[in-house]
Amino acid sequence: MLPLLVILNVLMQLFDGVATYVGWEQHGELNPLLRLGFEHLGVLTTLTTAKLTAIILVLSLARLPRPTLAIYGLTLTFSVYTALSFVPWSVRLLN
């Protein structure tokens, strides 16, 4: 279960990065930290840094000494990214 959740979370981070890159110019970015980064560092640098950081955090969470806690955490992050990134970006980009 844990390896599957790691893979799903990493894939979700990659999807979020690509979808944000493709859609931000037309639809904007709601995350104020990313918007600030876009203005000061550029879109590609900001998204690469944010997504690599998120992936490192996913991998760190997976290495917790208590696998049950890691499973709960990764399930939560996957659920949140599905609801707040995958669904909204999918709707925006497919319309």
PDB file of N, CA and C in Angstrom:
ATOM      1  N   MET A   1       0.822  -1.194   0.000  1.00  0.00           N
ATOM      2  CA  MET A   1       0.000   0.000   0.000  1.00  0.00           C
ATOM      3  C   MET A   1       0.869   1.263   0.000  1.00  0.00           C
ATOM      4  N   LEU A   2       1.921   1.256   0.812  1.00  0.00           N
ATOM      5  CA  LEU A   2       2.786   2.424   0.916  1.00  0.00           C
ATOM      6  C   LEU A   2       3.467   2.768  -0.415  1.00  0.00           C
ATOM      7  N   PRO A   3       4.053   1.793  -1.117  1.00  0.00           N
ATOM      8  CA  PRO A   3       4.667   2.132  -2.410  1.00  0.00           C
ATOM      9  C   PRO A   3       3.662   2.714  -3.415  1.00  0.00           C
ATOM     10  N   LEU A   4       2.450   2.174  -3.435  1.00  0.00           N
ATOM     11  CA  LEU A   4       1.422   2.698  -4.334  1.00  0.00           C
ATOM     12  C   LEU A   4       1.087   4.151  -3.996  1.00  0.00           C
ATOM     13  N   LEU A   5       0.961   4.459  -2.715  1.00  0.00           N
ATOM     14  CA  LEU A   5       0.662   5.833  -2.303  1.00  0.00           C
ATOM     15  C   LEU A   5       1.798   6.786  -2.650  1.00  0.00           C
ATOM     16  N   VAL A   6       3.023   6.318  -2.539  1.00  0.00           N
ATOM     17  CA  VAL A   6       4.166   7.154  -2.928  1.00  0.00           C
ATOM     18  C   VAL A   6       4.092   7.457  -4.423  1.00  0.00           C
ATOM     19  N   ILE A   7       3.861   6.432  -5.221  1.00  0.00           N
ATOM     20  CA  ILE A   7       3.772   6.621  -6.673  1.00  0.00           C
ATOM     21  C   ILE A   7       2.621   7.559  -7.024  1.00  0.00           C
ATOM     22  N   LEU A   8       1.459   7.361  -6.423  1.00  0.00           N
ATOM     23  CA  LEU A   8       0.309   8.225  -6.706  1.00  0.00           C
ATOM     24  C   LEU A   8       0.584   9.671  -6.314  1.00  0.00           C
ATOM     25  N   ASN A   9       1.231   9.876  -5.179  1.00  0.00           N
ATOM     26  CA  ASN A   9       1.539  11.234  -4.741  1.00  0.00           C
ATOM     27  C   ASN A   9       2.568  11.904  -5.645  1.00  0.00           C
ATOM     28  N   VAL A  10       3.580  11.164  -6.062  1.00  0.00           N
ATOM     29  CA  VAL A  10       4.576  11.737  -6.977  1.00  0.00           C
ATOM     30  C   VAL A  10       3.916  12.067  -8.313  1.00  0.00           C
ATOM     31  N   LEU A  11       3.083  11.166  -8.821  1.00  0.00           N
ATOM     32  CA  LEU A  11       2.367  11.448 -10.073  1.00  0.00           C
ATOM     33  C   LEU A  11       1.463  12.677  -9.938  1.00  0.00           C
ATOM     34  N   MET A  12       0.832  12.826  -8.786  1.00  0.00           N
ATOM     35  CA  MET A  12      -0.027  13.985  -8.563  1.00  0.00           C
ATOM     36  C   MET A  12       0.798  15.269  -8.552  1.00  0.00           C
ATOM     37  N   GLN A  13       1.979  15.233  -7.975  1.00  0.00           N
ATOM     38  CA  GLN A  13       2.849  16.413  -7.981  1.00  0.00           C
ATOM     39  C   GLN A  13       3.272  16.761  -9.410  1.00  0.00           C
ATOM     40  N   LEU A  14       3.605  15.750 -10.183  1.00  0.00           N
ATOM     41  CA  LEU A  14       3.983  15.987 -11.581  1.00  0.00           C
ATOM     42  C   LEU A  14       2.803  16.549 -12.370  1.00  0.00           C
ATOM     43  N   PHE A  15       1.619  15.967 -12.168  1.00  0.00           N
ATOM     44  CA  PHE A  15       0.426  16.496 -12.841  1.00  0.00           C
ATOM     45  C   PHE A  15       0.200  17.956 -12.458  1.00  0.00           C
ATOM     46  N   ASP A  16       0.271  18.251 -11.171  1.00  0.00           N
ATOM     47  CA  ASP A  16       0.025  19.611 -10.699  1.00  0.00           C
ATOM     48  C   ASP A  16       1.022  20.589 -11.313  1.00  0.00           C
ATOM     49  N   GLY A  17       2.271  20.193 -11.388  1.00  0.00           N
ATOM     50  CA  GLY A  17       3.282  21.062 -11.982  1.00  0.00           C
ATOM     51  C   GLY A  17       3.024  21.335 -13.452  1.00  0.00           C
ATOM     52  N   VAL A  18       2.735  20.287 -14.206  1.00  0.00           N
ATOM     53  CA  VAL A  18       2.469  20.449 -15.650  1.00  0.00           C
ATOM     54  C   VAL A  18       1.174  21.233 -15.873  1.00  0.00           C
ATOM     55  N   ALA A  19       0.128  20.891 -15.135  1.00  0.00           N
ATOM     56  CA  ALA A  19      -1.154  21.587 -15.299  1.00  0.00           C
ATOM     57  C   ALA A  19      -1.032  23.066 -14.939  1.00  0.00           C
ATOM     58  N   THR A  20      -0.308  23.351 -13.878  1.00  0.00           N
ATOM     59  CA  THR A  20      -0.107  24.753 -13.493  1.00  0.00           C
ATOM     60  C   THR A  20       0.667  25.484 -14.575  1.00  0.00           C
ATOM     61  N   TYR A  21       1.712  24.856 -15.096  1.00  0.00           N
ATOM     62  CA  TYR A  21       2.510  25.483 -16.146  1.00  0.00           C
ATOM     63  C   TYR A  21       1.675  25.760 -17.395  1.00  0.00           C
ATOM     64  N   VAL A  22       0.860  24.783 -17.776  1.00  0.00           N
ATOM     65  CA  VAL A  22       0.030  24.922 -18.979  1.00  0.00           C
ATOM     66  C   VAL A  22      -1.104  25.923 -18.754  1.00  0.00           C
ATOM     67  N   GLY A  23      -1.702  25.898 -17.582  1.00  0.00           N
ATOM     68  CA  GLY A  23      -2.914  26.669 -17.372  1.00  0.00           C
ATOM     69  C   GLY A  23      -2.788  28.007 -16.683  1.00  0.00           C
ATOM     70  N   TRP A  24      -1.647  28.324 -16.061  1.00  0.00           N
ATOM     71  CA  TRP A  24      -1.577  29.542 -15.244  1.00  0.00           C
ATOM     72  C   TRP A  24      -1.745  30.817 -16.058  1.00  0.00           C
ATOM     73  N   GLU A  25      -1.231  30.849 -17.256  1.00  0.00           N
ATOM     74  CA  GLU A  25      -1.313  32.080 -18.048  1.00  0.00           C
ATOM     75  C   GLU A  25      -2.757  32.416 -18.417  1.00  0.00           C
ATOM     76  N   GLN A  26      -3.523  31.400 -18.734  1.00  0.00           N
ATOM     77  CA  GLN A  26      -4.920  31.614 -19.111  1.00  0.00           C
ATOM     78  C   GLN A  26      -5.833  31.735 -17.898  1.00  0.00           C
ATOM     79  N   HIS A  27      -5.553  30.952 -16.865  1.00  0.00           N
ATOM     80  CA  HIS A  27      -6.469  30.887 -15.723  1.00  0.00           C
ATOM     81  C   HIS A  27      -5.923  31.545 -14.461  1.00  0.00           C
ATOM     82  N   GLY A  28      -4.661  31.900 -14.458  1.00  0.00           N
ATOM     83  CA  GLY A  28      -4.066  32.496 -13.272  1.00  0.00           C
ATOM     84  C   GLY A  28      -3.670  31.441 -12.255  1.00  0.00           C
ATOM     85  N   GLU A  29      -3.062  31.900 -11.187  1.00  0.00           N
ATOM     86  CA  GLU A  29      -2.626  31.017 -10.103  1.00  0.00           C
ATOM     87  C   GLU A  29      -3.198  31.536  -8.800  1.00  0.00           C
ATOM     88  N   LEU A  30      -3.908  30.677  -8.072  1.00  0.00           N
ATOM     89  CA  LEU A  30      -4.551  31.086  -6.824  1.00  0.00           C
ATOM     90  C   LEU A  30      -3.594  31.061  -5.639  1.00  0.00           C
ATOM     91  N   ASN A  31      -2.525  30.288  -5.722  1.00  0.00           N
ATOM     92  CA  ASN A  31      -1.574  30.187  -4.621  1.00  0.00           C
ATOM     93  C   ASN A  31      -0.708  31.450  -4.587  1.00  0.00           C
ATOM     94  N   PRO A  32      -0.817  32.253  -3.520  1.00  0.00           N
ATOM     95  CA  PRO A  32      -0.057  33.507  -3.468  1.00  0.00           C
ATOM     96  C   PRO A  32       1.454  33.300  -3.424  1.00  0.00           C
ATOM     97  N   LEU A  33       1.926  32.206  -2.840  1.00  0.00           N
ATOM     98  CA  LEU A  33       3.368  31.952  -2.819  1.00  0.00           C
ATOM     99  C   LEU A  33       3.894  31.641  -4.215  1.00  0.00           C
ATOM    100  N   LEU A  34       3.143  30.837  -4.964  1.00  0.00           N
ATOM    101  CA  LEU A  34       3.558  30.562  -6.338  1.00  0.00           C
ATOM    102  C   LEU A  34       3.502  31.821  -7.199  1.00  0.00           C
ATOM    103  N   ARG A  35       2.444  32.620  -7.035  1.00  0.00           N
ATOM    104  CA  ARG A  35       2.340  33.877  -7.801  1.00  0.00           C
ATOM    105  C   ARG A  35       3.551  34.763  -7.543  1.00  0.00           C
ATOM    106  N   LEU A  36       3.935  34.891  -6.286  1.00  0.00           N
ATOM    107  CA  LEU A  36       5.094  35.705  -5.924  1.00  0.00           C
ATOM    108  C   LEU A  36       6.356  35.135  -6.562  1.00  0.00           C
ATOM    109  N   GLY A  37       6.509  33.819  -6.493  1.00  0.00           N
ATOM    110  CA  GLY A  37       7.656  33.178  -7.135  1.00  0.00           C
ATOM    111  C   GLY A  37       7.663  33.389  -8.635  1.00  0.00           C
ATOM    112  N   PHE A  38       6.498  33.296  -9.269  1.00  0.00           N
ATOM    113  CA  PHE A  38       6.401  33.524 -10.716  1.00  0.00           C
ATOM    114  C   PHE A  38       6.918  34.908 -11.070  1.00  0.00           C
ATOM    115  N   GLU A  39       6.548  35.896 -10.263  1.00  0.00           N
ATOM    116  CA  GLU A  39       6.938  37.287 -10.533  1.00  0.00           C
ATOM    117  C   GLU A  39       8.435  37.505 -10.346  1.00  0.00           C
ATOM    118  N   HIS A  40       9.020  36.851  -9.345  1.00  0.00           N
ATOM    119  CA  HIS A  40      10.413  37.140  -8.999  1.00  0.00           C
ATOM    120  C   HIS A  40      11.430  36.147  -9.561  1.00  0.00           C
ATOM    121  N   LEU A  41      11.029  34.904  -9.743  1.00  0.00           N
ATOM    122  CA  LEU A  41      11.972  33.880 -10.194  1.00  0.00           C
ATOM    123  C   LEU A  41      11.637  33.301 -11.562  1.00  0.00           C
ATOM    124  N   GLY A  42      10.421  33.523 -11.996  1.00  0.00           N
ATOM    125  CA  GLY A  42       9.961  32.925 -13.242  1.00  0.00           C
ATOM    126  C   GLY A  42       9.145  31.675 -12.961  1.00  0.00           C
ATOM    127  N   VAL A  43       8.307  31.342 -13.920  1.00  0.00           N
ATOM    128  CA  VAL A  43       7.373  30.232 -13.739  1.00  0.00           C
ATOM    129  C   VAL A  43       8.098  28.893 -13.648  1.00  0.00           C
ATOM    130  N   LEU A  44       8.979  28.624 -14.566  1.00  0.00           N
ATOM    131  CA  LEU A  44       9.626  27.315 -14.602  1.00  0.00           C
ATOM    132  C   LEU A  44      10.483  27.068 -13.365  1.00  0.00           C
ATOM    133  N   THR A  45      11.256  28.049 -12.953  1.00  0.00           N
ATOM    134  CA  THR A  45      12.089  27.899 -11.757  1.00  0.00           C
ATOM    135  C   THR A  45      11.239  27.690 -10.518  1.00  0.00           C
ATOM    136  N   THR A  46      10.179  28.475 -10.390  1.00  0.00           N
ATOM    137  CA  THR A  46       9.297  28.366  -9.221  1.00  0.00           C
ATOM    138  C   THR A  46       8.609  27.014  -9.174  1.00  0.00           C
ATOM    139  N   LEU A  47       8.040  26.588 -10.291  1.00  0.00           N
ATOM    140  CA  LEU A  47       7.334  25.300 -10.302  1.00  0.00           C
ATOM    141  C   LEU A  47       8.285  24.131 -10.087  1.00  0.00           C
ATOM    142  N   THR A  48       9.446  24.164 -10.692  1.00  0.00           N
ATOM    143  CA  THR A  48      10.418  23.090 -10.505  1.00  0.00           C
ATOM    144  C   THR A  48      10.835  22.989  -9.044  1.00  0.00           C
ATOM    145  N   THR A  49      11.119  24.127  -8.425  1.00  0.00           N
ATOM    146  CA  THR A  49      11.510  24.141  -7.016  1.00  0.00           C
ATOM    147  C   THR A  49      10.373  23.646  -6.133  1.00  0.00           C
ATOM    148  N   ALA A  50       9.167  24.124  -6.372  1.00  0.00           N
ATOM    149  CA  ALA A  50       8.014  23.728  -5.550  1.00  0.00           C
ATOM    150  C   ALA A  50       7.712  22.248  -5.683  1.00  0.00           C
ATOM    151  N   LYS A  51       7.739  21.739  -6.891  1.00  0.00           N
ATOM    152  CA  LYS A  51       7.386  20.330  -7.098  1.00  0.00           C
ATOM    153  C   LYS A  51       8.496  19.396  -6.614  1.00  0.00           C
ATOM    154  N   LEU A  52       9.756  19.755  -6.804  1.00  0.00           N
ATOM    155  CA  LEU A  52      10.839  18.928  -6.264  1.00  0.00           C
ATOM    156  C   LEU A  52      10.790  18.907  -4.739  1.00  0.00           C
ATOM    157  N   THR A  53      10.499  20.045  -4.134  1.00  0.00           N
ATOM    158  CA  THR A  53      10.357  20.101  -2.676  1.00  0.00           C
ATOM    159  C   THR A  53       9.208  19.206  -2.214  1.00  0.00           C
ATOM    160  N   ALA A  54       8.081  19.278  -2.903  1.00  0.00           N
ATOM    161  CA  ALA A  54       6.927  18.454  -2.540  1.00  0.00           C
ATOM    162  C   ALA A  54       7.245  16.970  -2.689  1.00  0.00           C
ATOM    163  N   ILE A  55       7.948  16.595  -3.740  1.00  0.00           N
ATOM    164  CA  ILE A  55       8.306  15.193  -3.949  1.00  0.00           C
ATOM    165  C   ILE A  55       9.269  14.721  -2.863  1.00  0.00           C
ATOM    166  N   ILE A  56      10.214  15.566  -2.483  1.00  0.00           N
ATOM    167  CA  ILE A  56      11.136  15.218  -1.389  1.00  0.00           C
ATOM    168  C   ILE A  56      10.354  15.015  -0.093  1.00  0.00           C
ATOM    169  N   LEU A  57       9.359  15.859   0.147  1.00  0.00           N
ATOM    170  CA  LEU A  57       8.535  15.701   1.351  1.00  0.00           C
ATOM    171  C   LEU A  57       7.709  14.418   1.310  1.00  0.00           C
ATOM    172  N   VAL A  58       7.184  14.068   0.141  1.00  0.00           N
ATOM    173  CA  VAL A  58       6.452  12.804  -0.007  1.00  0.00           C
ATOM    174  C   VAL A  58       7.376  11.628   0.309  1.00  0.00           C
ATOM    175  N   LEU A  59       8.575  11.643  -0.245  1.00  0.00           N
ATOM    176  CA  LEU A  59       9.520  10.555  -0.006  1.00  0.00           C
ATOM    177  C   LEU A  59       9.950  10.504   1.460  1.00  0.00           C
ATOM    178  N   SER A  60      10.092  11.663   2.079  1.00  0.00           N
ATOM    179  CA  SER A  60      10.439  11.714   3.502  1.00  0.00           C
ATOM    180  C   SER A  60       9.307  11.153   4.355  1.00  0.00           C
ATOM    181  N   LEU A  61       8.091  11.512   4.019  1.00  0.00           N
ATOM    182  CA  LEU A  61       6.935  11.005   4.750  1.00  0.00           C
ATOM    183  C   LEU A  61       6.859   9.484   4.647  1.00  0.00           C
ATOM    184  N   ALA A  62       7.171   8.965   3.475  1.00  0.00           N
ATOM    185  CA  ALA A  62       7.118   7.515   3.262  1.00  0.00           C
ATOM    186  C   ALA A  62       8.147   6.774   4.101  1.00  0.00           C
ATOM    187  N   ARG A  63       9.186   7.461   4.522  1.00  0.00           N
ATOM    188  CA  ARG A  63      10.258   6.817   5.300  1.00  0.00           C
ATOM    189  C   ARG A  63      10.053   6.934   6.807  1.00  0.00           C
ATOM    190  N   LEU A  64       8.894   7.424   7.224  1.00  0.00           N
ATOM    191  CA  LEU A  64       8.629   7.496   8.660  1.00  0.00           C
ATOM    192  C   LEU A  64       8.781   6.119   9.285  1.00  0.00           C
ATOM    193  N   PRO A  65       9.272   6.059  10.529  1.00  0.00           N
ATOM    194  CA  PRO A  65       9.441   4.758  11.158  1.00  0.00           C
ATOM    195  C   PRO A  65       8.117   4.050  11.466  1.00  0.00           C
ATOM    196  N   ARG A  66       7.019   4.779  11.386  1.00  0.00           N
ATOM    197  CA  ARG A  66       5.699   4.174  11.617  1.00  0.00           C
ATOM    198  C   ARG A  66       4.942   4.152  10.285  1.00  0.00           C
ATOM    199  N   PRO A  67       4.966   3.040   9.570  1.00  0.00           N
ATOM    200  CA  PRO A  67       4.330   2.955   8.249  1.00  0.00           C
ATOM    201  C   PRO A  67       2.849   3.322   8.261  1.00  0.00           C
ATOM    202  N   THR A  68       2.142   2.993   9.330  1.00  0.00           N
ATOM    203  CA  THR A  68       0.714   3.335   9.387  1.00  0.00           C
ATOM    204  C   THR A  68       0.525   4.842   9.336  1.00  0.00           C
ATOM    205  N   LEU A  69       1.368   5.566  10.043  1.00  0.00           N
ATOM    206  CA  LEU A  69       1.303   7.031  10.027  1.00  0.00           C
ATOM    207  C   LEU A  69       1.628   7.571   8.637  1.00  0.00           C
ATOM    208  N   ALA A  70       2.618   6.977   7.984  1.00  0.00           N
ATOM    209  CA  ALA A  70       2.970   7.376   6.623  1.00  0.00           C
ATOM    210  C   ALA A  70       1.807   7.130   5.668  1.00  0.00           C
ATOM    211  N   ILE A  71       1.137   6.011   5.813  1.00  0.00           N
ATOM    212  CA  ILE A  71      -0.014   5.691   4.949  1.00  0.00           C
ATOM    213  C   ILE A  71      -1.125   6.711   5.152  1.00  0.00           C
ATOM    214  N   TYR A  72      -1.414   7.056   6.396  1.00  0.00           N
ATOM    215  CA  TYR A  72      -2.441   8.070   6.653  1.00  0.00           C
ATOM    216  C   TYR A  72      -2.046   9.419   6.047  1.00  0.00           C
ATOM    217  N   GLY A  73      -0.799   9.815   6.245  1.00  0.00           N
ATOM    218  CA  GLY A  73      -0.335  11.089   5.712  1.00  0.00           C
ATOM    219  C   GLY A  73      -0.371  11.145   4.194  1.00  0.00           C
ATOM    220  N   LEU A  74       0.079  10.085   3.554  1.00  0.00           N
ATOM    221  CA  LEU A  74       0.088  10.056   2.091  1.00  0.00           C
ATOM    222  C   LEU A  74      -1.324   9.946   1.518  1.00  0.00           C
ATOM    223  N   THR A  75      -2.199   9.263   2.219  1.00  0.00           N
ATOM    224  CA  THR A  75      -3.604   9.213   1.791  1.00  0.00           C
ATOM    225  C   THR A  75      -4.223  10.596   1.880  1.00  0.00           C
ATOM    226  N   LEU A  76      -3.917  11.310   2.954  1.00  0.00           N
ATOM    227  CA  LEU A  76      -4.432  12.667   3.115  1.00  0.00           C
ATOM    228  C   LEU A  76      -3.902  13.606   2.028  1.00  0.00           C
ATOM    229  N   THR A  77      -2.594  13.566   1.782  1.00  0.00           N
ATOM    230  CA  THR A  77      -2.045  14.471   0.766  1.00  0.00           C
ATOM    231  C   THR A  77      -2.582  14.137  -0.623  1.00  0.00           C
ATOM    232  N   PHE A  78      -2.724  12.843  -0.920  1.00  0.00           N
ATOM    233  CA  PHE A  78      -3.279  12.468  -2.225  1.00  0.00           C
ATOM    234  C   PHE A  78      -4.724  12.954  -2.364  1.00  0.00           C
ATOM    235  N   SER A  79      -5.502  12.806  -1.310  1.00  0.00           N
ATOM    236  CA  SER A  79      -6.904  13.251  -1.338  1.00  0.00           C
ATOM    237  C   SER A  79      -7.010  14.761  -1.522  1.00  0.00           C
ATOM    238  N   VAL A  80      -6.176  15.498  -0.810  1.00  0.00           N
ATOM    239  CA  VAL A  80      -6.210  16.965  -0.909  1.00  0.00           C
ATOM    240  C   VAL A  80      -5.789  17.408  -2.310  1.00  0.00           C
ATOM    241  N   TYR A  81      -4.722  16.837  -2.845  1.00  0.00           N
ATOM    242  CA  TYR A  81      -4.287  17.217  -4.193  1.00  0.00           C
ATOM    243  C   TYR A  81      -5.297  16.803  -5.262  1.00  0.00           C
ATOM    244  N   THR A  82      -5.978  15.695  -5.038  1.00  0.00           N
ATOM    245  CA  THR A  82      -7.024  15.295  -5.983  1.00  0.00           C
ATOM    246  C   THR A  82      -8.145  16.327  -5.993  1.00  0.00           C
ATOM    247  N   ALA A  83      -8.573  16.733  -4.791  1.00  0.00           N
ATOM    248  CA  ALA A  83      -9.691  17.676  -4.682  1.00  0.00           C
ATOM    249  C   ALA A  83      -9.316  19.098  -5.082  1.00  0.00           C
ATOM    250  N   LEU A  84      -8.113  19.537  -4.738  1.00  0.00           N
ATOM    251  CA  LEU A  84      -7.763  20.949  -4.929  1.00  0.00           C
ATOM    252  C   LEU A  84      -6.861  21.217  -6.126  1.00  0.00           C
ATOM    253  N   SER A  85      -6.381  20.163  -6.793  1.00  0.00           N
ATOM    254  CA  SER A  85      -5.550  20.357  -7.975  1.00  0.00           C
ATOM    255  C   SER A  85      -6.080  19.560  -9.169  1.00  0.00           C
ATOM    256  N   PHE A  86      -6.149  18.229  -9.014  1.00  0.00           N
ATOM    257  CA  PHE A  86      -6.508  17.390 -10.158  1.00  0.00           C
ATOM    258  C   PHE A  86      -7.887  17.720 -10.714  1.00  0.00           C
ATOM    259  N   VAL A  87      -8.880  17.781  -9.839  1.00  0.00           N
ATOM    260  CA  VAL A  87     -10.243  18.048 -10.315  1.00  0.00           C
ATOM    261  C   VAL A  87     -10.356  19.454 -10.916  1.00  0.00           C
ATOM    262  N   PRO A  88      -9.935  20.511 -10.195  1.00  0.00           N
ATOM    263  CA  PRO A  88     -10.096  21.854 -10.781  1.00  0.00           C
ATOM    264  C   PRO A  88      -9.296  22.045 -12.080  1.00  0.00           C
ATOM    265  N   TRP A  89      -8.027  21.592 -12.104  1.00  0.00           N
ATOM    266  CA  TRP A  89      -7.236  21.763 -13.322  1.00  0.00           C
ATOM    267  C   TRP A  89      -7.799  20.941 -14.473  1.00  0.00           C
ATOM    268  N   SER A  90      -8.264  19.739 -14.178  1.00  0.00           N
ATOM    269  CA  SER A  90      -8.853  18.912 -15.235  1.00  0.00           C
ATOM    270  C   SER A  90     -10.065  19.597 -15.843  1.00  0.00           C
ATOM    271  N   VAL A  91     -10.918  20.143 -15.009  1.00  0.00           N
ATOM    272  CA  VAL A  91     -12.110  20.844 -15.504  1.00  0.00           C
ATOM    273  C   VAL A  91     -11.709  22.061 -16.326  1.00  0.00           C
ATOM    274  N   ARG A  92     -10.785  22.857 -15.812  1.00  0.00           N
ATOM    275  CA  ARG A  92     -10.350  24.071 -16.538  1.00  0.00           C
ATOM    276  C   ARG A  92      -9.696  23.749 -17.866  1.00  0.00           C
ATOM    277  N   LEU A  93      -8.789  22.784 -17.851  1.00  0.00           N
ATOM    278  CA  LEU A  93      -8.016  22.499 -19.061  1.00  0.00           C
ATOM    279  C   LEU A  93      -8.811  21.737 -20.107  1.00  0.00           C
ATOM    280  N   LEU A  94      -9.847  21.003 -19.684  1.00  0.00           N
ATOM    281  CA  LEU A  94     -10.643  20.262 -20.657  1.00  0.00           C
ATOM    282  C   LEU A  94     -11.784  21.102 -21.245  1.00  0.00           C
ATOM    283  N   ASN A  95     -12.036  22.251 -20.666  1.00  0.00           N
ATOM    284  CA  ASN A  95     -13.093  23.125 -21.216  1.00  0.00           C
ATOM    285  C   ASN A  95     -12.543  24.103 -22.202  1.00  0.00           C
TER     286      ASN A  95
END
